[in-house]
Amino acid sequence: MNLTPTQKKWLAWIIVALVILSVNTYLGVSYPTPDPPDEPVELGTTHFTNLSAEDLTATDDLVVADDATISGDLSVIGAIAAGGTNTLDLVILEHTALTVTTTTITPTHSFYSLDSTGAATITLAASGTEGQLLILINDDANAVVIADTNLISADGSAITLTNADDMVVLIYQDDKWHEIASPDGS
């Protein structure tokens, strides 16, 4: 199946979401949805009908009983609970561009776009956190080979990101990076 670069990126995101949902389901993770208080409002609490704020920081629970619109960035530490029995974990992968040569890299982010001035071979260090996701995208037309050291690929060999926008999705377990989704060119 030939996929466009955009289709590859969407497929990778879908796979990442499914892995996260599967892991949470397997681990029995759920997040309770807070109910609005039934008690009278405590002294010092202020209610607003319409509130507009340039910067808003909540140092404890924030409950929104109706629609919320955010026109800028949203940063969340912890989990976001959806209404009812559904739960939603918001995952924003930390991204960085990495200029690669033939070297070993220790992934400290979850998402790398790989730049190179020519063909390069990288080795992933046997260093990560169990369950850590790693997405590598070739950012230009030079081939980037991910050596089979510390790597478990679908065919047991190195993975090659041949073309611009080729991508691979890996997960870390037992001192190895395991391939979840591979590029067309490998």
C-alpha atoms as a PDB file:
ATOM      1  CA  MET A   1       0.000   0.000   0.000  1.00  0.00           C
ATOM      2  CA  ASN A   2       1.488   3.363  -1.011  1.00  0.00           C
ATOM      3  CA  LEU A   3       0.741   6.081   1.515  1.00  0.00           C
ATOM      4  CA  THR A   4       1.338   9.786   1.171  1.00  0.00           C
ATOM      5  CA  PRO A   5       3.542  11.443   3.792  1.00  0.00           C
ATOM      6  CA  THR A   6       0.422  12.960   5.385  1.00  0.00           C
ATOM      7  CA  GLN A   7      -1.284   9.556   5.522  1.00  0.00           C
ATOM      8  CA  LYS A   8       1.862   8.081   7.134  1.00  0.00           C
ATOM      9  CA  LYS A   9       1.847  10.768   9.822  1.00  0.00           C
ATOM     10  CA  TRP A  10      -1.861  10.221  10.563  1.00  0.00           C
ATOM     11  CA  LEU A  11      -1.327   6.455  10.695  1.00  0.00           C
ATOM     12  CA  ALA A  12       1.517   6.904  13.175  1.00  0.00           C
ATOM     13  CA  TRP A  13      -0.638   9.138  15.398  1.00  0.00           C
ATOM     14  CA  ILE A  14      -3.483   6.625  15.289  1.00  0.00           C
ATOM     15  CA  ILE A  15      -1.091   3.829  16.243  1.00  0.00           C
ATOM     16  CA  VAL A  16       0.312   5.912  19.112  1.00  0.00           C
ATOM     17  CA  ALA A  17      -3.227   6.656  20.377  1.00  0.00           C
ATOM     18  CA  LEU A  18      -4.191   2.989  20.178  1.00  0.00           C
ATOM     19  CA  VAL A  19      -1.048   1.933  22.030  1.00  0.00           C
ATOM     20  CA  ILE A  20      -1.719   4.466  24.789  1.00  0.00           C
ATOM     21  CA  LEU A  21      -5.360   3.409  25.080  1.00  0.00           C
ATOM     22  CA  SER A  22      -4.349  -0.268  25.095  1.00  0.00           C
ATOM     23  CA  VAL A  23      -1.721   0.251  27.780  1.00  0.00           C
ATOM     24  CA  ASN A  24      -4.163   2.233  29.939  1.00  0.00           C
ATOM     25  CA  THR A  25      -6.843  -0.422  29.478  1.00  0.00           C
ATOM     26  CA  TYR A  26      -4.370  -3.226  30.246  1.00  0.00           C
ATOM     27  CA  LEU A  27      -3.190  -1.446  33.370  1.00  0.00           C
ATOM     28  CA  GLY A  28      -6.766  -0.650  34.413  1.00  0.00           C
ATOM     29  CA  VAL A  29      -6.065   3.067  34.454  1.00  0.00           C
ATOM     30  CA  SER A  30      -9.113   5.252  34.868  1.00  0.00           C
ATOM     31  CA  TYR A  31      -9.594   8.768  36.047  1.00  0.00           C
ATOM     32  CA  PRO A  32     -12.649   9.762  38.074  1.00  0.00           C
ATOM     33  CA  THR A  33     -14.698  12.685  36.818  1.00  0.00           C
ATOM     34  CA  PRO A  34     -15.265  15.148  39.646  1.00  0.00           C
ATOM     35  CA  ASP A  35     -18.884  16.001  40.450  1.00  0.00           C
ATOM     36  CA  PRO A  36     -19.897  19.588  41.150  1.00  0.00           C
ATOM     37  CA  PRO A  37     -20.170  20.245  44.881  1.00  0.00           C
ATOM     38  CA  ASP A  38     -23.574  19.678  46.520  1.00  0.00           C
ATOM     39  CA  GLU A  39     -22.613  21.822  49.480  1.00  0.00           C
ATOM     40  CA  PRO A  40     -23.028  25.583  49.791  1.00  0.00           C
ATOM     41  CA  VAL A  41     -20.199  27.679  48.355  1.00  0.00           C
ATOM     42  CA  GLU A  42     -17.483  28.326  50.904  1.00  0.00           C
ATOM     43  CA  LEU A  43     -16.660  31.837  51.998  1.00  0.00           C
ATOM     44  CA  GLY A  44     -14.098  33.371  49.685  1.00  0.00           C
ATOM     45  CA  THR A  45     -15.244  31.526  46.546  1.00  0.00           C
ATOM     46  CA  THR A  46     -16.195  33.808  43.656  1.00  0.00           C
ATOM     47  CA  HIS A  47     -18.476  32.863  40.770  1.00  0.00           C
ATOM     48  CA  PHE A  48     -18.319  34.475  37.347  1.00  0.00           C
ATOM     49  CA  THR A  49     -20.871  34.390  34.547  1.00  0.00           C
ATOM     50  CA  ASN A  50     -18.362  35.345  31.839  1.00  0.00           C
ATOM     51  CA  LEU A  51     -14.648  35.236  32.554  1.00  0.00           C
ATOM     52  CA  SER A  52     -11.934  36.327  30.182  1.00  0.00           C
ATOM     53  CA  ALA A  53      -8.318  36.026  31.253  1.00  0.00           C
ATOM     54  CA  GLU A  54      -5.056  36.553  29.431  1.00  0.00           C
ATOM     55  CA  ASP A  55      -3.262  34.077  31.705  1.00  0.00           C
ATOM     56  CA  LEU A  56      -5.063  31.670  34.037  1.00  0.00           C
ATOM     57  CA  THR A  57      -3.352  29.336  36.458  1.00  0.00           C
ATOM     58  CA  ALA A  58      -5.255  26.819  38.558  1.00  0.00           C
ATOM     59  CA  THR A  59      -3.153  25.371  41.374  1.00  0.00           C
ATOM     60  CA  ASP A  60      -5.764  22.765  42.310  1.00  0.00           C
ATOM     61  CA  ASP A  61      -8.737  21.157  40.563  1.00  0.00           C
ATOM     62  CA  LEU A  62     -10.423  23.132  37.814  1.00  0.00           C
ATOM     63  CA  VAL A  63     -13.963  22.066  36.950  1.00  0.00           C
ATOM     64  CA  VAL A  64     -15.662  23.428  33.832  1.00  0.00           C
ATOM     65  CA  ALA A  65     -19.373  22.620  33.880  1.00  0.00           C
ATOM     66  CA  ASP A  66     -20.061  23.737  30.300  1.00  0.00           C
ATOM     67  CA  ASP A  67     -18.118  24.298  27.082  1.00  0.00           C
ATOM     68  CA  ALA A  68     -14.539  25.564  27.213  1.00  0.00           C
ATOM     69  CA  THR A  69     -12.836  27.256  24.276  1.00  0.00           C
ATOM     70  CA  ILE A  70      -9.078  27.689  24.237  1.00  0.00           C
ATOM     71  CA  SER A  71      -7.622  29.763  21.437  1.00  0.00           C
ATOM     72  CA  GLY A  72      -3.964  29.376  22.420  1.00  0.00           C
ATOM     73  CA  ASP A  73      -1.815  26.609  23.820  1.00  0.00           C
ATOM     74  CA  LEU A  74      -3.091  24.246  26.508  1.00  0.00           C
ATOM     75  CA  SER A  75      -0.567  22.655  28.835  1.00  0.00           C
ATOM     76  CA  VAL A  76      -1.765  19.883  31.114  1.00  0.00           C
ATOM     77  CA  ILE A  77       0.195  18.059  33.772  1.00  0.00           C
ATOM     78  CA  GLY A  78      -1.766  14.970  34.728  1.00  0.00           C
ATOM     79  CA  ALA A  79      -4.864  13.550  33.130  1.00  0.00           C
ATOM     80  CA  ILE A  80      -7.933  15.043  31.507  1.00  0.00           C
ATOM     81  CA  ALA A  81     -11.186  13.291  32.346  1.00  0.00           C
ATOM     82  CA  ALA A  82     -14.061  13.317  29.876  1.00  0.00           C
ATOM     83  CA  GLY A  83     -17.668  13.249  31.082  1.00  0.00           C
ATOM     84  CA  GLY A  84     -19.382  10.001  31.966  1.00  0.00           C
ATOM     85  CA  THR A  85     -17.344   6.812  31.960  1.00  0.00           C
ATOM     86  CA  ASN A  86     -15.070   7.848  29.091  1.00  0.00           C
ATOM     87  CA  THR A  87     -11.544   8.938  29.901  1.00  0.00           C
ATOM     88  CA  LEU A  88      -9.060  10.770  27.761  1.00  0.00           C
ATOM     89  CA  ASP A  89      -5.322  11.129  28.246  1.00  0.00           C
ATOM     90  CA  LEU A  90      -3.918  14.097  26.417  1.00  0.00           C
ATOM     91  CA  VAL A  91      -0.480  13.238  25.142  1.00  0.00           C
ATOM     92  CA  ILE A  92       1.675  15.822  23.470  1.00  0.00           C
ATOM     93  CA  LEU A  93       4.956  14.341  22.370  1.00  0.00           C
ATOM     94  CA  GLU A  94       8.000  16.468  22.948  1.00  0.00           C
ATOM     95  CA  HIS A  95       9.664  17.143  19.589  1.00  0.00           C
ATOM     96  CA  THR A  96      13.128  18.162  18.558  1.00  0.00           C
ATOM     97  CA  ALA A  97      15.021  18.339  15.286  1.00  0.00           C
ATOM     98  CA  LEU A  98      18.217  16.306  15.293  1.00  0.00           C
ATOM     99  CA  THR A  99      21.038  16.573  12.783  1.00  0.00           C
ATOM    100  CA  VAL A 100      22.384  13.052  12.451  1.00  0.00           C
ATOM    101  CA  THR A 101      25.634  11.535  11.328  1.00  0.00           C
ATOM    102  CA  THR A 102      26.881   8.012  11.936  1.00  0.00           C
ATOM    103  CA  THR A 103      26.563   7.994  15.711  1.00  0.00           C
ATOM    104  CA  THR A 104      24.725   6.588  18.722  1.00  0.00           C
ATOM    105  CA  ILE A 105      21.821   8.593  20.089  1.00  0.00           C
ATOM    106  CA  THR A 106      20.117   8.343  23.464  1.00  0.00           C
ATOM    107  CA  PRO A 107      16.487   9.402  22.974  1.00  0.00           C
ATOM    108  CA  THR A 108      15.449  12.009  25.535  1.00  0.00           C
ATOM    109  CA  HIS A 109      12.373  13.110  23.578  1.00  0.00           C
ATOM    110  CA  SER A 110       9.531  11.106  22.049  1.00  0.00           C
ATOM    111  CA  PHE A 111       9.538  12.643  18.587  1.00  0.00           C
ATOM    112  CA  TYR A 112      12.535  13.476  16.398  1.00  0.00           C
ATOM    113  CA  SER A 113      12.755  14.853  12.901  1.00  0.00           C
ATOM    114  CA  LEU A 114      16.084  13.684  11.500  1.00  0.00           C
ATOM    115  CA  ASP A 115      18.167  15.974   9.327  1.00  0.00           C
ATOM    116  CA  SER A 116      21.340  14.851   7.598  1.00  0.00           C
ATOM    117  CA  THR A 117      23.784  16.214   5.060  1.00  0.00           C
ATOM    118  CA  GLY A 118      24.263  12.759   3.553  1.00  0.00           C
ATOM    119  CA  ALA A 119      23.514   9.122   4.225  1.00  0.00           C
ATOM    120  CA  ALA A 120      23.807   8.358   7.947  1.00  0.00           C
ATOM    121  CA  THR A 121      23.581   5.356  10.245  1.00  0.00           C
ATOM    122  CA  ILE A 122      22.390   5.850  13.790  1.00  0.00           C
ATOM    123  CA  THR A 123      22.364   3.404  16.678  1.00  0.00           C
ATOM    124  CA  LEU A 124      19.767   3.781  19.393  1.00  0.00           C
ATOM    125  CA  ALA A 125      21.224   3.463  22.881  1.00  0.00           C
ATOM    126  CA  ALA A 126      19.766   0.764  25.138  1.00  0.00           C
ATOM    127  CA  SER A 127      18.478   3.520  27.348  1.00  0.00           C
ATOM    128  CA  GLY A 128      14.870   4.463  27.875  1.00  0.00           C
ATOM    129  CA  THR A 129      11.848   4.016  30.084  1.00  0.00           C
ATOM    130  CA  GLU A 130       9.663   0.921  29.770  1.00  0.00           C
ATOM    131  CA  GLY A 131       6.775   1.875  27.487  1.00  0.00           C
ATOM    132  CA  GLN A 132       8.497   4.997  26.117  1.00  0.00           C
ATOM    133  CA  LEU A 133       7.361   5.795  22.579  1.00  0.00           C
ATOM    134  CA  LEU A 134       9.804   7.053  19.983  1.00  0.00           C
ATOM    135  CA  ILE A 135       8.844   8.449  16.584  1.00  0.00           C
ATOM    136  CA  LEU A 136      11.593   9.130  14.040  1.00  0.00           C
ATOM    137  CA  ILE A 137      10.818  11.003  10.813  1.00  0.00           C
ATOM    138  CA  ASN A 138      13.330  11.536   8.019  1.00  0.00           C
ATOM    139  CA  ASP A 139      13.236  15.264   7.358  1.00  0.00           C
ATOM    140  CA  ASP A 140      15.110  15.254   4.042  1.00  0.00           C
ATOM    141  CA  ALA A 141      15.937  13.059   1.054  1.00  0.00           C
ATOM    142  CA  ASN A 142      19.103  11.482   2.502  1.00  0.00           C
ATOM    143  CA  ALA A 143      18.740   7.903   3.717  1.00  0.00           C
ATOM    144  CA  VAL A 144      18.979   7.375   7.475  1.00  0.00           C
ATOM    145  CA  VAL A 145      19.625   3.808   8.630  1.00  0.00           C
ATOM    146  CA  ILE A 146      18.710   2.793  12.164  1.00  0.00           C
ATOM    147  CA  ALA A 147      21.170   0.018  13.039  1.00  0.00           C
ATOM    148  CA  ASP A 148      19.803  -3.273  14.367  1.00  0.00           C
ATOM    149  CA  THR A 149      21.766  -2.867  17.623  1.00  0.00           C
ATOM    150  CA  ASN A 150      19.279  -2.546  20.529  1.00  0.00           C
ATOM    151  CA  LEU A 151      16.486  -2.743  17.947  1.00  0.00           C
ATOM    152  CA  ILE A 152      13.815  -5.361  17.320  1.00  0.00           C
ATOM    153  CA  SER A 153      12.372  -4.736  13.868  1.00  0.00           C
ATOM    154  CA  ALA A 154       9.644  -6.612  12.020  1.00  0.00           C
ATOM    155  CA  ASP A 155      12.178  -8.440   9.845  1.00  0.00           C
ATOM    156  CA  GLY A 156      15.035  -8.545  12.379  1.00  0.00           C
ATOM    157  CA  SER A 157      17.272  -6.156  10.474  1.00  0.00           C
ATOM    158  CA  ALA A 158      18.122  -2.470  10.377  1.00  0.00           C
ATOM    159  CA  ILE A 159      15.389   0.025   9.477  1.00  0.00           C
ATOM    160  CA  THR A 160      16.010   2.462   6.638  1.00  0.00           C
ATOM    161  CA  LEU A 161      14.230   5.780   6.347  1.00  0.00           C
ATOM    162  CA  THR A 162      14.851   6.138   2.625  1.00  0.00           C
ATOM    163  CA  ASN A 163      12.762   9.137   1.650  1.00  0.00           C
ATOM    164  CA  ALA A 164      11.792  12.464   3.141  1.00  0.00           C
ATOM    165  CA  ASP A 165       8.821  11.971   5.487  1.00  0.00           C
ATOM    166  CA  ASP A 166       9.517   8.237   6.015  1.00  0.00           C
ATOM    167  CA  MET A 167       8.750   7.453   9.628  1.00  0.00           C
ATOM    168  CA  VAL A 168       9.133   4.655  12.150  1.00  0.00           C
ATOM    169  CA  VAL A 169       7.371   4.266  15.517  1.00  0.00           C
ATOM    170  CA  LEU A 170       9.189   2.373  18.288  1.00  0.00           C
ATOM    171  CA  ILE A 171       8.458   1.449  21.904  1.00  0.00           C
ATOM    172  CA  TYR A 172      11.079   0.712  24.573  1.00  0.00           C
ATOM    173  CA  GLN A 173      10.970  -2.559  26.508  1.00  0.00           C
ATOM    174  CA  ASP A 174      13.628  -4.781  28.101  1.00  0.00           C
ATOM    175  CA  ASP A 175      16.610  -2.688  26.931  1.00  0.00           C
ATOM    176  CA  LYS A 176      15.449  -2.777  23.290  1.00  0.00           C
ATOM    177  CA  TRP A 177      13.539  -0.496  20.937  1.00  0.00           C
ATOM    178  CA  HIS A 178      10.691  -2.510  19.364  1.00  0.00           C
ATOM    179  CA  GLU A 179       9.237  -1.484  16.009  1.00  0.00           C
ATOM    180  CA  ILE A 180       5.501  -0.725  16.067  1.00  0.00           C
ATOM    181  CA  ALA A 181       5.090   0.872  12.629  1.00  0.00           C
ATOM    182  CA  SER A 182       7.588   1.018   9.800  1.00  0.00           C
ATOM    183  CA  PRO A 183       8.217   3.173   6.729  1.00  0.00           C
ATOM    184  CA  ASP A 184       7.490   1.999   3.202  1.00  0.00           C
ATOM    185  CA  GLY A 185      11.192   2.184   2.342  1.00  0.00           C
ATOM    186  CA  SER A 186      12.527  -0.247   4.946  1.00  0.00           C
END
